[in-house]
Amino acid sequence: MLRLVVFLALFAAVVYACFWLIDRRNNGGGGHTGAKPIPRGPVGPDDDEEFLRELERRRRHSKGDGT
């Protein structure tokens, strides 16, 4: 029974190594270069540079009016 378990473990390791090599060869030698970048989540208003610029512009404009 122990021989069967060792044989299955070795067989699984060889099969895994073969698929790993095939996958590595298809991806150009390593890394997943064809993977799409992970999209960022929604941007909060305090992280949005355009929003902050507009907010600063409004703040300066309201100070310039004397109000």
PDB file of N, CA and C in Angstrom:
ATOM      1  N   MET A   1       0.824  -1.196   0.000  1.00  0.00           N
ATOM      2  CA  MET A   1       0.000   0.000   0.000  1.00  0.00           C
ATOM      3  C   MET A   1       0.872   1.265   0.000  1.00  0.00           C
ATOM      4  N   LEU A   2       1.964   1.246   0.765  1.00  0.00           N
ATOM      5  CA  LEU A   2       2.857   2.393   0.826  1.00  0.00           C
ATOM      6  C   LEU A   2       3.494   2.659  -0.534  1.00  0.00           C
ATOM      7  N   ARG A   3       3.811   1.592  -1.261  1.00  0.00           N
ATOM      8  CA  ARG A   3       4.398   1.749  -2.588  1.00  0.00           C
ATOM      9  C   ARG A   3       3.435   2.466  -3.532  1.00  0.00           C
ATOM     10  N   LEU A   4       2.160   2.168  -3.428  1.00  0.00           N
ATOM     11  CA  LEU A   4       1.151   2.811  -4.275  1.00  0.00           C
ATOM     12  C   LEU A   4       1.070   4.308  -3.970  1.00  0.00           C
ATOM     13  N   VAL A   5       1.096   4.665  -2.719  1.00  0.00           N
ATOM     14  CA  VAL A   5       1.027   6.072  -2.327  1.00  0.00           C
ATOM     15  C   VAL A   5       2.265   6.823  -2.824  1.00  0.00           C
ATOM     16  N   VAL A   6       3.441   6.218  -2.666  1.00  0.00           N
ATOM     17  CA  VAL A   6       4.678   6.854  -3.135  1.00  0.00           C
ATOM     18  C   VAL A   6       4.651   6.986  -4.654  1.00  0.00           C
ATOM     19  N   PHE A   7       4.199   5.950  -5.344  1.00  0.00           N
ATOM     20  CA  PHE A   7       4.112   6.006  -6.800  1.00  0.00           C
ATOM     21  C   PHE A   7       3.154   7.110  -7.247  1.00  0.00           C
ATOM     22  N   LEU A   8       1.993   7.222  -6.615  1.00  0.00           N
ATOM     23  CA  LEU A   8       1.031   8.263  -6.980  1.00  0.00           C
ATOM     24  C   LEU A   8       1.593   9.655  -6.707  1.00  0.00           C
ATOM     25  N   ALA A   9       2.312   9.819  -5.609  1.00  0.00           N
ATOM     26  CA  ALA A   9       2.909  11.118  -5.290  1.00  0.00           C
ATOM     27  C   ALA A   9       3.960  11.493  -6.333  1.00  0.00           C
ATOM     28  N   LEU A  10       4.794  10.558  -6.709  1.00  0.00           N
ATOM     29  CA  LEU A  10       5.812  10.828  -7.718  1.00  0.00           C
ATOM     30  C   LEU A  10       5.180  11.106  -9.082  1.00  0.00           C
ATOM     31  N   PHE A  11       4.162  10.341  -9.423  1.00  0.00           N
ATOM     32  CA  PHE A  11       3.455  10.548 -10.685  1.00  0.00           C
ATOM     33  C   PHE A  11       2.813  11.938 -10.722  1.00  0.00           C
ATOM     34  N   ALA A  12       2.185  12.328  -9.620  1.00  0.00           N
ATOM     35  CA  ALA A  12       1.560  13.653  -9.550  1.00  0.00           C
ATOM     36  C   ALA A  12       2.614  14.752  -9.667  1.00  0.00           C
ATOM     37  N   ALA A  13       3.780  14.554  -9.051  1.00  0.00           N
ATOM     38  CA  ALA A  13       4.848  15.553  -9.136  1.00  0.00           C
ATOM     39  C   ALA A  13       5.357  15.691 -10.570  1.00  0.00           C
ATOM     40  N   VAL A  14       5.501  14.581 -11.275  1.00  0.00           N
ATOM     41  CA  VAL A  14       5.975  14.620 -12.663  1.00  0.00           C
ATOM     42  C   VAL A  14       4.939  15.301 -13.553  1.00  0.00           C
ATOM     43  N   VAL A  15       3.677  14.973 -13.376  1.00  0.00           N
ATOM     44  CA  VAL A  15       2.619  15.592 -14.181  1.00  0.00           C
ATOM     45  C   VAL A  15       2.564  17.097 -13.903  1.00  0.00           C
ATOM     46  N   TYR A  16       2.665  17.489 -12.625  1.00  0.00           N
ATOM     47  CA  TYR A  16       2.658  18.906 -12.267  1.00  0.00           C
ATOM     48  C   TYR A  16       3.838  19.630 -12.914  1.00  0.00           C
ATOM     49  N   ALA A  17       5.019  19.028 -12.863  1.00  0.00           N
ATOM     50  CA  ALA A  17       6.208  19.642 -13.452  1.00  0.00           C
ATOM     51  C   ALA A  17       6.039  19.821 -14.958  1.00  0.00           C
ATOM     52  N   CYS A  18       5.448  18.838 -15.623  1.00  0.00           N
ATOM     53  CA  CYS A  18       5.225  18.946 -17.070  1.00  0.00           C
ATOM     54  C   CYS A  18       4.292  20.099 -17.400  1.00  0.00           C
ATOM     55  N   PHE A  19       3.180  20.193 -16.682  1.00  0.00           N
ATOM     56  CA  PHE A  19       2.236  21.283 -16.940  1.00  0.00           C
ATOM     57  C   PHE A  19       2.846  22.636 -16.584  1.00  0.00           C
ATOM     58  N   TRP A  20       3.669  22.698 -15.530  1.00  0.00           N
ATOM     59  CA  TRP A  20       4.323  23.927 -15.147  1.00  0.00           C
ATOM     60  C   TRP A  20       5.278  24.388 -16.248  1.00  0.00           C
ATOM     61  N   LEU A  21       6.029  23.449 -16.816  1.00  0.00           N
ATOM     62  CA  LEU A  21       6.949  23.800 -17.899  1.00  0.00           C
ATOM     63  C   LEU A  21       6.202  24.262 -19.149  1.00  0.00           C
ATOM     64  N   ILE A  22       5.118  23.593 -19.474  1.00  0.00           N
ATOM     65  CA  ILE A  22       4.314  23.988 -20.639  1.00  0.00           C
ATOM     66  C   ILE A  22       3.754  25.386 -20.429  1.00  0.00           C
ATOM     67  N   ASP A  23       3.244  25.656 -19.247  1.00  0.00           N
ATOM     68  CA  ASP A  23       2.679  26.972 -18.943  1.00  0.00           C
ATOM     69  C   ASP A  23       3.758  28.043 -19.004  1.00  0.00           C
ATOM     70  N   ARG A  24       4.921  27.744 -18.480  1.00  0.00           N
ATOM     71  CA  ARG A  24       6.020  28.702 -18.488  1.00  0.00           C
ATOM     72  C   ARG A  24       6.477  28.992 -19.914  1.00  0.00           C
ATOM     73  N   ARG A  25       6.518  27.989 -20.739  1.00  0.00           N
ATOM     74  CA  ARG A  25       6.931  28.171 -22.134  1.00  0.00           C
ATOM     75  C   ARG A  25       5.906  29.024 -22.890  1.00  0.00           C
ATOM     76  N   ASN A  26       4.624  28.811 -22.638  1.00  0.00           N
ATOM     77  CA  ASN A  26       3.579  29.572 -23.324  1.00  0.00           C
ATOM     78  C   ASN A  26       3.543  31.031 -22.888  1.00  0.00           C
ATOM     79  N   ASN A  27       4.030  31.326 -21.673  1.00  0.00           N
ATOM     80  CA  ASN A  27       4.007  32.705 -21.180  1.00  0.00           C
ATOM     81  C   ASN A  27       5.311  33.435 -21.452  1.00  0.00           C
ATOM     82  N   GLY A  28       6.149  32.924 -22.274  1.00  0.00           N
ATOM     83  CA  GLY A  28       7.367  33.619 -22.651  1.00  0.00           C
ATOM     84  C   GLY A  28       8.471  33.550 -21.619  1.00  0.00           C
ATOM     85  N   GLY A  29       8.578  32.487 -20.877  1.00  0.00           N
ATOM     86  CA  GLY A  29       9.698  32.321 -19.971  1.00  0.00           C
ATOM     87  C   GLY A  29       9.473  32.762 -18.553  1.00  0.00           C
ATOM     88  N   GLY A  30       8.287  32.997 -18.162  1.00  0.00           N
ATOM     89  CA  GLY A  30       8.032  33.337 -16.767  1.00  0.00           C
ATOM     90  C   GLY A  30       7.090  34.507 -16.636  1.00  0.00           C
ATOM     91  N   GLY A  31       6.496  34.600 -15.478  1.00  0.00           N
ATOM     92  CA  GLY A  31       5.574  35.699 -15.229  1.00  0.00           C
ATOM     93  C   GLY A  31       4.385  35.655 -16.163  1.00  0.00           C
ATOM     94  N   HIS A  32       3.320  36.200 -15.754  1.00  0.00           N
ATOM     95  CA  HIS A  32       2.129  36.252 -16.596  1.00  0.00           C
ATOM     96  C   HIS A  32       2.116  37.593 -17.304  1.00  0.00           C
ATOM     97  N   THR A  33       2.871  37.680 -18.410  1.00  0.00           N
ATOM     98  CA  THR A  33       2.987  38.945 -19.123  1.00  0.00           C
ATOM     99  C   THR A  33       1.707  39.317 -19.845  1.00  0.00           C
ATOM    100  N   GLY A  34       0.857  38.361 -20.160  1.00  0.00           N
ATOM    101  CA  GLY A  34      -0.371  38.653 -20.875  1.00  0.00           C
ATOM    102  C   GLY A  34      -1.541  38.965 -19.963  1.00  0.00           C
ATOM    103  N   ALA A  35      -1.304  38.982 -18.677  1.00  0.00           N
ATOM    104  CA  ALA A  35      -2.392  39.225 -17.741  1.00  0.00           C
ATOM    105  C   ALA A  35      -2.844  40.675 -17.813  1.00  0.00           C
ATOM    106  N   LYS A  36      -4.135  40.871 -17.691  1.00  0.00           N
ATOM    107  CA  LYS A  36      -4.687  42.224 -17.691  1.00  0.00           C
ATOM    108  C   LYS A  36      -4.415  42.874 -16.337  1.00  0.00           C
ATOM    109  N   PRO A  37      -4.163  44.170 -16.331  1.00  0.00           N
ATOM    110  CA  PRO A  37      -3.959  44.837 -15.049  1.00  0.00           C
ATOM    111  C   PRO A  37      -5.241  44.835 -14.227  1.00  0.00           C
ATOM    112  N   ILE A  38      -5.081  44.754 -12.938  1.00  0.00           N
ATOM    113  CA  ILE A  38      -6.239  44.738 -12.048  1.00  0.00           C
ATOM    114  C   ILE A  38      -6.810  46.146 -11.973  1.00  0.00           C
ATOM    115  N   PRO A  39      -8.103  46.311 -12.305  1.00  0.00           N
ATOM    116  CA  PRO A  39      -8.676  47.658 -12.258  1.00  0.00           C
ATOM    117  C   PRO A  39      -8.787  48.149 -10.812  1.00  0.00           C
ATOM    118  N   ARG A  40      -8.528  49.420 -10.635  1.00  0.00           N
ATOM    119  CA  ARG A  40      -8.665  50.015  -9.314  1.00  0.00           C
ATOM    120  C   ARG A  40     -10.132  50.191  -8.986  1.00  0.00           C
ATOM    121  N   GLY A  41     -10.418  50.216  -7.723  1.00  0.00           N
ATOM    122  CA  GLY A  41     -11.780  50.443  -7.271  1.00  0.00           C
ATOM    123  C   GLY A  41     -12.165  51.892  -7.478  1.00  0.00           C
ATOM    124  N   PRO A  42     -13.346  52.266  -7.046  1.00  0.00           N
ATOM    125  CA  PRO A  42     -13.770  53.656  -7.194  1.00  0.00           C
ATOM    126  C   PRO A  42     -12.827  54.585  -6.427  1.00  0.00           C
ATOM    127  N   VAL A  43     -12.591  55.737  -7.004  1.00  0.00           N
ATOM    128  CA  VAL A  43     -11.679  56.703  -6.406  1.00  0.00           C
ATOM    129  C   VAL A  43     -12.486  57.642  -5.524  1.00  0.00           C
ATOM    130  N   GLY A  44     -12.056  57.791  -4.292  1.00  0.00           N
ATOM    131  CA  GLY A  44     -12.717  58.718  -3.379  1.00  0.00           C
ATOM    132  C   GLY A  44     -12.402  60.148  -3.777  1.00  0.00           C
ATOM    133  N   PRO A  45     -13.250  61.096  -3.400  1.00  0.00           N
ATOM    134  CA  PRO A  45     -13.016  62.480  -3.808  1.00  0.00           C
ATOM    135  C   PRO A  45     -11.701  63.040  -3.271  1.00  0.00           C
ATOM    136  N   ASP A  46     -11.229  62.546  -2.130  1.00  0.00           N
ATOM    137  CA  ASP A  46      -9.974  63.058  -1.596  1.00  0.00           C
ATOM    138  C   ASP A  46      -8.767  62.447  -2.290  1.00  0.00           C
ATOM    139  N   ASP A  47      -8.959  61.454  -3.159  1.00  0.00           N
ATOM    140  CA  ASP A  47      -7.877  60.857  -3.930  1.00  0.00           C
ATOM    141  C   ASP A  47      -7.874  61.328  -5.379  1.00  0.00           C
ATOM    142  N   ASP A  48      -8.930  62.007  -5.792  1.00  0.00           N
ATOM    143  CA  ASP A  48      -9.072  62.427  -7.179  1.00  0.00           C
ATOM    144  C   ASP A  48      -8.420  63.798  -7.362  1.00  0.00           C
ATOM    145  N   GLU A  49      -7.329  63.847  -8.131  1.00  0.00           N
ATOM    146  CA  GLU A  49      -6.585  65.103  -8.302  1.00  0.00           C
ATOM    147  C   GLU A  49      -7.421  66.175  -8.985  1.00  0.00           C
ATOM    148  N   GLU A  50      -8.222  65.776  -9.958  1.00  0.00           N
ATOM    149  CA  GLU A  50      -9.056  66.763 -10.659  1.00  0.00           C
ATOM    150  C   GLU A  50     -10.073  67.386  -9.702  1.00  0.00           C
ATOM    151  N   PHE A  51     -10.684  66.566  -8.858  1.00  0.00           N
ATOM    152  CA  PHE A  51     -11.643  67.069  -7.878  1.00  0.00           C
ATOM    153  C   PHE A  51     -10.973  68.050  -6.925  1.00  0.00           C
ATOM    154  N   LEU A  52      -9.759  67.704  -6.455  1.00  0.00           N
ATOM    155  CA  LEU A  52      -9.057  68.580  -5.519  1.00  0.00           C
ATOM    156  C   LEU A  52      -8.669  69.903  -6.175  1.00  0.00           C
ATOM    157  N   ARG A  53      -8.250  69.866  -7.447  1.00  0.00           N
ATOM    158  CA  ARG A  53      -7.923  71.106  -8.147  1.00  0.00           C
ATOM    159  C   ARG A  53      -9.151  72.000  -8.279  1.00  0.00           C
ATOM    160  N   GLU A  54     -10.277  71.392  -8.652  1.00  0.00           N
ATOM    161  CA  GLU A  54     -11.513  72.157  -8.798  1.00  0.00           C
ATOM    162  C   GLU A  54     -11.958  72.723  -7.452  1.00  0.00           C
ATOM    163  N   LEU A  55     -11.811  71.954  -6.393  1.00  0.00           N
ATOM    164  CA  LEU A  55     -12.177  72.415  -5.057  1.00  0.00           C
ATOM    165  C   LEU A  55     -11.307  73.607  -4.647  1.00  0.00           C
ATOM    166  N   GLU A  56     -10.001  73.514  -4.918  1.00  0.00           N
ATOM    167  CA  GLU A  56      -9.087  74.617  -4.593  1.00  0.00           C
ATOM    168  C   GLU A  56      -9.420  75.853  -5.421  1.00  0.00           C
ATOM    169  N   ARG A  57      -9.755  75.650  -6.688  1.00  0.00           N
ATOM    170  CA  ARG A  57     -10.131  76.777  -7.551  1.00  0.00           C
ATOM    171  C   ARG A  57     -11.373  77.467  -7.024  1.00  0.00           C
ATOM    172  N   ARG A  58     -12.368  76.691  -6.624  1.00  0.00           N
ATOM    173  CA  ARG A  58     -13.596  77.272  -6.065  1.00  0.00           C
ATOM    174  C   ARG A  58     -13.314  78.009  -4.765  1.00  0.00           C
ATOM    175  N   ARG A  59     -12.435  77.423  -3.930  1.00  0.00           N
ATOM    176  CA  ARG A  59     -12.123  78.050  -2.649  1.00  0.00           C
ATOM    177  C   ARG A  59     -11.421  79.397  -2.879  1.00  0.00           C
ATOM    178  N   ARG A  60     -10.477  79.426  -3.811  1.00  0.00           N
ATOM    179  CA  ARG A  60      -9.784  80.673  -4.110  1.00  0.00           C
ATOM    180  C   ARG A  60     -10.729  81.692  -4.728  1.00  0.00           C
ATOM    181  N   HIS A  61     -11.619  81.217  -5.588  1.00  0.00           N
ATOM    182  CA  HIS A  61     -12.571  82.112  -6.246  1.00  0.00           C
ATOM    183  C   HIS A  61     -13.509  82.743  -5.213  1.00  0.00           C
ATOM    184  N   SER A  62     -13.969  81.960  -4.269  1.00  0.00           N
ATOM    185  CA  SER A  62     -14.895  82.507  -3.268  1.00  0.00           C
ATOM    186  C   SER A  62     -14.178  83.482  -2.334  1.00  0.00           C
ATOM    187  N   LYS A  63     -12.877  83.270  -2.050  1.00  0.00           N
ATOM    188  CA  LYS A  63     -12.131  84.217  -1.225  1.00  0.00           C
ATOM    189  C   LYS A  63     -11.893  85.524  -1.991  1.00  0.00           C
ATOM    190  N   GLY A  64     -11.730  85.438  -3.286  1.00  0.00           N
ATOM    191  CA  GLY A  64     -11.474  86.619  -4.101  1.00  0.00           C
ATOM    192  C   GLY A  64     -12.693  87.533  -4.203  1.00  0.00           C
ATOM    193  N   ASP A  65     -13.896  86.990  -4.023  1.00  0.00           N
ATOM    194  CA  ASP A  65     -15.117  87.779  -4.109  1.00  0.00           C
ATOM    195  C   ASP A  65     -15.353  88.587  -2.838  1.00  0.00           C
ATOM    196  N   GLY A  66     -14.657  88.231  -1.778  1.00  0.00           N
ATOM    197  CA  GLY A  66     -14.852  88.957  -0.534  1.00  0.00           C
ATOM    198  C   GLY A  66     -15.977  88.386   0.299  1.00  0.00           C
ATOM    199  N   THR A  67     -16.429  87.206  -0.014  1.00  0.00           N
ATOM    200  CA  THR A  67     -17.501  86.594   0.781  1.00  0.00           C
ATOM    201  C   THR A  67     -16.984  85.644   1.790  1.00  0.00           C
TER     202      THR A  67
END
